[in-house]
Structure formats: C-alpha cells, structure tokens
C-alpha cells in the first residue's frame, strides 16, 4: 500500500481595496495583501496549515511589508480592517523608489534622466518632463 503525503508552502491573496499614498515612494498605490503558509497534505488533500504570515506589497513601487498577524487574521476572517503604517514592518524596499533618503519626513526626488532635484511631489520631472 502506498501513502502519498508531503509538506508544501502556499500563498493566498486576501481582498483589501484601498488606495493609499506610499510611505516609501510617495506615489499613489494599492495594498496587495497576501498570506503565506506551510501545509501538510495526505493524498493531495491539505490536512492542516501552520506558520501563517501576512504580507503587504505596494502596487506603486513593489515595497514589501510584513503585516501585524492580528490584523491579518481579522482580514482572513472577512472583517472590515483599516491597515495603518504602525501595522507594517518593512521587509524589502521597492524597486521604483525615486526618493534618495529613507526618512519619510524629508522626501527628496532626483530625476534619473537629467538629475534635477526637488522636494515637491511630482510624478514627472519639471525640468525635462520625463516620468519619475
């Protein structure tokens, strides 16, 4: 008799629709919330899950945050939840981050095309007109 079983990892996207201003790049973006987990399966049927972790990825720059587990569990149950910056812990900086400083109180943009610097919130360069 053969028994087929194993341990695998999974990812489940969670429903969260809200547009926010990103704390990393300053652009408008959306939280893409998902849960990662490990599970044991027996004859290809998942039996139980463990090591659940919740993450938030920004749609604007790709920054990845770990979400507070209590907030993630409430989201998983389908409750109406407000995610705040205090619920997030940065795990990976975004690729499209135009800010030169990491301090959120001093946001300084530098155009990658012409090098123009500004402290104002533009999505394009005021000097050359190319998107930041």
C-alpha atoms as a PDB file:
ATOM      1  CA  UNK A   1       0.000   0.000   0.000  1.00  0.00           C
ATOM      2  CA  UNK A   2       1.288   3.447  -0.891  1.00  0.00           C
ATOM      3  CA  UNK A   3       0.737   6.609   1.120  1.00  0.00           C
ATOM      4  CA  UNK A   4       1.288   9.887  -0.667  1.00  0.00           C
ATOM      5  CA  UNK A   5       1.822  12.872   1.557  1.00  0.00           C
ATOM      6  CA  UNK A   6       4.065  15.841   1.933  1.00  0.00           C
ATOM      7  CA  UNK A   7       4.782  19.302   3.229  1.00  0.00           C
ATOM      8  CA  UNK A   8       4.478  22.318   0.939  1.00  0.00           C
ATOM      9  CA  UNK A   9       4.139  26.085   1.089  1.00  0.00           C
ATOM     10  CA  UNK A  10       1.285  28.156  -0.240  1.00  0.00           C
ATOM     11  CA  UNK A  11       0.277  31.749  -0.926  1.00  0.00           C
ATOM     12  CA  UNK A  12      -3.256  33.108  -0.654  1.00  0.00           C
ATOM     13  CA  UNK A  13      -4.162  36.627  -1.826  1.00  0.00           C
ATOM     14  CA  UNK A  14      -6.543  38.474   0.517  1.00  0.00           C
ATOM     15  CA  UNK A  15      -9.156  41.026  -0.510  1.00  0.00           C
ATOM     16  CA  UNK A  16      -8.238  44.576   0.516  1.00  0.00           C
ATOM     17  CA  UNK A  17      -9.234  47.502  -1.679  1.00  0.00           C
ATOM     18  CA  UNK A  18      -7.946  50.904  -0.645  1.00  0.00           C
ATOM     19  CA  UNK A  19      -5.756  53.448  -2.390  1.00  0.00           C
ATOM     20  CA  UNK A  20      -3.046  54.976  -0.197  1.00  0.00           C
ATOM     21  CA  UNK A  21      -0.048  57.255  -0.527  1.00  0.00           C
ATOM     22  CA  UNK A  22       3.043  55.058  -0.269  1.00  0.00           C
ATOM     23  CA  UNK A  23       5.345  55.805   2.650  1.00  0.00           C
ATOM     24  CA  UNK A  24       8.402  54.722   0.605  1.00  0.00           C
ATOM     25  CA  UNK A  25       7.976  56.413  -2.784  1.00  0.00           C
ATOM     26  CA  UNK A  26       5.223  58.985  -2.133  1.00  0.00           C
ATOM     27  CA  UNK A  27       3.081  57.840  -5.083  1.00  0.00           C
ATOM     28  CA  UNK A  28      -0.500  56.623  -5.020  1.00  0.00           C
ATOM     29  CA  UNK A  29      -0.642  52.868  -4.723  1.00  0.00           C
ATOM     30  CA  UNK A  30      -2.730  49.985  -3.510  1.00  0.00           C
ATOM     31  CA  UNK A  31      -2.031  47.467  -0.781  1.00  0.00           C
ATOM     32  CA  UNK A  32      -1.812  43.940  -2.200  1.00  0.00           C
ATOM     33  CA  UNK A  33      -2.282  41.738   0.861  1.00  0.00           C
ATOM     34  CA  UNK A  34      -1.447  38.041   0.887  1.00  0.00           C
ATOM     35  CA  UNK A  35      -0.865  35.229   3.358  1.00  0.00           C
ATOM     36  CA  UNK A  36       1.949  32.670   3.155  1.00  0.00           C
ATOM     37  CA  UNK A  37       1.746  29.354   4.978  1.00  0.00           C
ATOM     38  CA  UNK A  38       3.072  25.803   5.209  1.00  0.00           C
ATOM     39  CA  UNK A  39       0.715  22.850   4.927  1.00  0.00           C
ATOM     40  CA  UNK A  40       0.689  19.082   5.225  1.00  0.00           C
ATOM     41  CA  UNK A  41      -1.201  17.137   2.579  1.00  0.00           C
ATOM     42  CA  UNK A  42      -2.229  13.498   2.523  1.00  0.00           C
ATOM     43  CA  UNK A  43      -3.178  12.023  -0.873  1.00  0.00           C
ATOM     44  CA  UNK A  44      -3.045  15.591  -2.266  1.00  0.00           C
ATOM     45  CA  UNK A  45      -5.636  16.844   0.254  1.00  0.00           C
ATOM     46  CA  UNK A  46      -4.393  19.615   2.579  1.00  0.00           C
ATOM     47  CA  UNK A  47      -4.860  18.433   6.163  1.00  0.00           C
ATOM     48  CA  UNK A  48      -3.589  21.382   8.256  1.00  0.00           C
ATOM     49  CA  UNK A  49      -1.741  24.696   7.888  1.00  0.00           C
ATOM     50  CA  UNK A  50       0.862  26.342  10.094  1.00  0.00           C
ATOM     51  CA  UNK A  51       3.405  29.190  10.038  1.00  0.00           C
ATOM     52  CA  UNK A  52       0.901  31.709   8.674  1.00  0.00           C
ATOM     53  CA  UNK A  53       2.452  35.079   7.863  1.00  0.00           C
ATOM     54  CA  UNK A  54       0.803  38.107   6.286  1.00  0.00           C
ATOM     55  CA  UNK A  55       2.473  40.478   3.837  1.00  0.00           C
ATOM     56  CA  UNK A  56       1.567  43.695   2.034  1.00  0.00           C
ATOM     57  CA  UNK A  57       3.097  44.620  -1.317  1.00  0.00           C
ATOM     58  CA  UNK A  58       2.751  48.137  -2.688  1.00  0.00           C
ATOM     59  CA  UNK A  59       1.451  48.304  -6.260  1.00  0.00           C
ATOM     60  CA  UNK A  60       3.367  51.541  -6.971  1.00  0.00           C
ATOM     61  CA  UNK A  61       6.977  50.650  -6.109  1.00  0.00           C
ATOM     62  CA  UNK A  62       6.918  46.992  -5.049  1.00  0.00           C
ATOM     63  CA  UNK A  63       7.942  47.589  -1.421  1.00  0.00           C
ATOM     64  CA  UNK A  64       7.058  44.586   0.759  1.00  0.00           C
ATOM     65  CA  UNK A  65       5.910  44.899   4.367  1.00  0.00           C
ATOM     66  CA  UNK A  66       5.086  42.254   6.952  1.00  0.00           C
ATOM     67  CA  UNK A  67       1.607  42.841   8.355  1.00  0.00           C
ATOM     68  CA  UNK A  68       0.745  42.537  12.051  1.00  0.00           C
ATOM     69  CA  UNK A  69      -0.586  38.954  12.481  1.00  0.00           C
ATOM     70  CA  UNK A  70      -3.695  40.097  14.399  1.00  0.00           C
ATOM     71  CA  UNK A  71      -4.703  42.456  11.582  1.00  0.00           C
ATOM     72  CA  UNK A  72      -4.013  39.707   9.036  1.00  0.00           C
ATOM     73  CA  UNK A  73      -6.204  37.208  10.921  1.00  0.00           C
ATOM     74  CA  UNK A  74      -9.044  39.725  11.013  1.00  0.00           C
ATOM     75  CA  UNK A  75      -8.688  40.256   7.259  1.00  0.00           C
ATOM     76  CA  UNK A  76      -8.692  36.491   6.722  1.00  0.00           C
ATOM     77  CA  UNK A  77     -11.987  36.220   8.639  1.00  0.00           C
ATOM     78  CA  UNK A  78     -13.501  38.832   6.285  1.00  0.00           C
ATOM     79  CA  UNK A  79     -13.707  41.670   8.801  1.00  0.00           C
ATOM     80  CA  UNK A  80     -13.533  45.307   7.707  1.00  0.00           C
ATOM     81  CA  UNK A  81      -9.972  46.316   8.657  1.00  0.00           C
ATOM     82  CA  UNK A  82      -8.041  49.577   8.384  1.00  0.00           C
ATOM     83  CA  UNK A  83      -4.312  48.955   7.786  1.00  0.00           C
ATOM     84  CA  UNK A  84      -2.144  51.706   9.250  1.00  0.00           C
ATOM     85  CA  UNK A  85       1.605  52.273   8.955  1.00  0.00           C
ATOM     86  CA  UNK A  86       2.042  51.097  12.557  1.00  0.00           C
ATOM     87  CA  UNK A  87       0.735  47.663  11.438  1.00  0.00           C
ATOM     88  CA  UNK A  88       3.503  47.339   8.815  1.00  0.00           C
ATOM     89  CA  UNK A  89       7.183  46.361   9.120  1.00  0.00           C
ATOM     90  CA  UNK A  90       9.345  46.952   6.036  1.00  0.00           C
ATOM     91  CA  UNK A  91      10.907  43.727   4.724  1.00  0.00           C
ATOM     92  CA  UNK A  92      12.036  44.759   1.220  1.00  0.00           C
ATOM     93  CA  UNK A  93      12.442  48.200  -0.316  1.00  0.00           C
ATOM     94  CA  UNK A  94      10.682  48.827  -3.615  1.00  0.00           C
ATOM     95  CA  UNK A  95      12.478  48.856  -6.962  1.00  0.00           C
ATOM     96  CA  UNK A  96      10.822  52.024  -8.253  1.00  0.00           C
ATOM     97  CA  UNK A  97      11.756  54.170  -5.281  1.00  0.00           C
ATOM     98  CA  UNK A  98      12.673  57.669  -6.581  1.00  0.00           C
ATOM     99  CA  UNK A  99      13.431  59.029  -3.085  1.00  0.00           C
ATOM    100  CA  UNK A 100      17.093  59.423  -2.236  1.00  0.00           C
ATOM    101  CA  UNK A 101      16.524  59.500   1.535  1.00  0.00           C
ATOM    102  CA  UNK A 102      14.766  56.875   3.610  1.00  0.00           C
ATOM    103  CA  UNK A 103      13.468  59.409   6.142  1.00  0.00           C
ATOM    104  CA  UNK A 104       9.757  59.911   5.415  1.00  0.00           C
ATOM    105  CA  UNK A 105       9.823  63.468   6.825  1.00  0.00           C
ATOM    106  CA  UNK A 106      12.327  64.598   4.169  1.00  0.00           C
ATOM    107  CA  UNK A 107      11.337  63.319   0.752  1.00  0.00           C
ATOM    108  CA  UNK A 108      13.792  64.412  -1.886  1.00  0.00           C
ATOM    109  CA  UNK A 109      13.258  63.369  -5.514  1.00  0.00           C
ATOM    110  CA  UNK A 110      16.012  63.181  -8.090  1.00  0.00           C
ATOM    111  CA  UNK A 111      15.162  62.732 -11.776  1.00  0.00           C
ATOM    112  CA  UNK A 112      17.012  59.668 -13.146  1.00  0.00           C
ATOM    113  CA  UNK A 113      17.159  61.254 -16.636  1.00  0.00           C
ATOM    114  CA  UNK A 114      18.510  64.758 -16.047  1.00  0.00           C
ATOM    115  CA  UNK A 115      19.434  64.822 -12.330  1.00  0.00           C
ATOM    116  CA  UNK A 116      17.023  67.639 -11.402  1.00  0.00           C
ATOM    117  CA  UNK A 117      16.305  67.670  -7.632  1.00  0.00           C
ATOM    118  CA  UNK A 118      13.051  68.733  -5.957  1.00  0.00           C
ATOM    119  CA  UNK A 119      11.286  68.439  -2.609  1.00  0.00           C
ATOM    120  CA  UNK A 120       7.852  68.749  -4.225  1.00  0.00           C
ATOM    121  CA  UNK A 121       5.636  65.775  -5.026  1.00  0.00           C
ATOM    122  CA  UNK A 122       5.754  65.446  -8.827  1.00  0.00           C
ATOM    123  CA  UNK A 123       5.197  62.252 -10.803  1.00  0.00           C
ATOM    124  CA  UNK A 124       7.176  63.834 -13.672  1.00  0.00           C
ATOM    125  CA  UNK A 125      10.335  65.933 -13.846  1.00  0.00           C
ATOM    126  CA  UNK A 126       9.548  69.686 -14.021  1.00  0.00           C
ATOM    127  CA  UNK A 127      12.767  70.261 -15.981  1.00  0.00           C
ATOM    128  CA  UNK A 128      12.803  67.547 -18.672  1.00  0.00           C
ATOM    129  CA  UNK A 129       9.182  66.312 -18.442  1.00  0.00           C
ATOM    130  CA  UNK A 130      10.050  62.617 -18.145  1.00  0.00           C
ATOM    131  CA  UNK A 131       8.221  60.484 -15.545  1.00  0.00           C
ATOM    132  CA  UNK A 132       9.996  59.919 -12.235  1.00  0.00           C
END
